[in-house]
Amino acid sequence: KLEKKAKGKLQKQICQVVLDHFEKQYTAELGDAWSSVRDVLTSPWCWQHAVLLNRFSQSPGLESSLAEQGYHPAFPAALPYLPAALRCYTRTAPGRFPAQKHQPGRLKDYYLLNAASLLPVLALEVKDGEAVLDLCAAPGGKSVAILQCACPGHFHCNEYDDLRSRWLEQTIESFIPDPLINMIIVSKLDGRQIGDLQPEFYDKVLVDAPCSNDRSWLFSADPQQAVLRLMQRKELSSLQFQLLRSALQALRPGGSLVYSTCTLSRAENSDVINLILNSCRNVMPVDLSGMARGVSQEFTFLSGMQQHELLVLPEKERAWGPMYVAKLKKVSST
């Protein structure tokens, strides 16, 4: 009865204008895969959350408590890059581990996230001492995950939006101890200008671009706002391209860039990457198929993608994603 009630309540909140738009676009782009993806995206009661442990705050008994609740370590297979310090737990059952409240001066023990959000971080392959830029960093989950993997020599977390920037600062405060926080630069620059401001400075750049967030858009409470979002959706790919071009300018020759979004939209994913590859001669795609093979037990990928890109499709009991990931390497100066 309760489940029915919850389902009914959530069902009512689905924004029909967004669903109709997605129905048309994703049937064309994903074919048969769309119906099972739609079932998951429109059913929040079957969504899952992964638990990323914070290596800077050891909580005795946390891992055994997770095990008792059916959680197991994610990424058990050999991956091209999987630091021992990165510990993440998932389970097939839906539901959410209790969130921890922000308490000034106290570090949180874990971060709740969509497990597919870790794929861009794993693809980036950050090593100790490197200069790293997280160009669109809020709310901060990927920045926190990078610091679970390695200690960059220089770590720049940027977020242009004022409100989201405060959220990013709070996330970093909640997970990272003081000595390390002092090594992190948090800025509110327009990401499109960072390439000009800091040309060829970084070894690794993550562009987790602003995108049409399929999960949250489906539950837009305000239909008028939803219509406006859908109209502005066409402009996002232009912004994403400009952010990517700036990120490449900021990257040292030989450095790597990972681009990610949480949308299924081809215009914001493959099309943006293809445009960069076609317009920048000093950029090469990097093969991600080794990583994809290593995580194929946990994630469902759209078939037919190129080797330098992945698209995670949400599925029942593997309700991770959507998450698009592409990797590029800068081979010479501009």
Foldseek 3Di string as FASTA:
>chain_A
DVLVVVLVVLLVLFQVVLVVVCVVQCCVVQPPLVVQLVVLLSGLQQAAKKKWFFLVDDDPPPVVVCVVVAWDWALPFDFPADAPLTTMITHLGHDDDDDDDQDQPEADGIDIHQVVVCVQLRVQRDEEAFAEEALAQPLPPSVSNNVSRYQYQAYEYEHQDPVRLVNNVSNCSRRPDDVSVVRYHYYNDLLLCQLVVAFQAGQEYEDADDADQSSVLRSPNDNVVSVVCVVCRLVRLVSLLSNVVSVLRNHHAQHKYKYKYQDPDCSNAVVSVVVCVVPDVQKDWDFCVRRCVSNVVQFDWRPPDDRQKTATRAGNSNGGTRMIMGMMGGHHHD
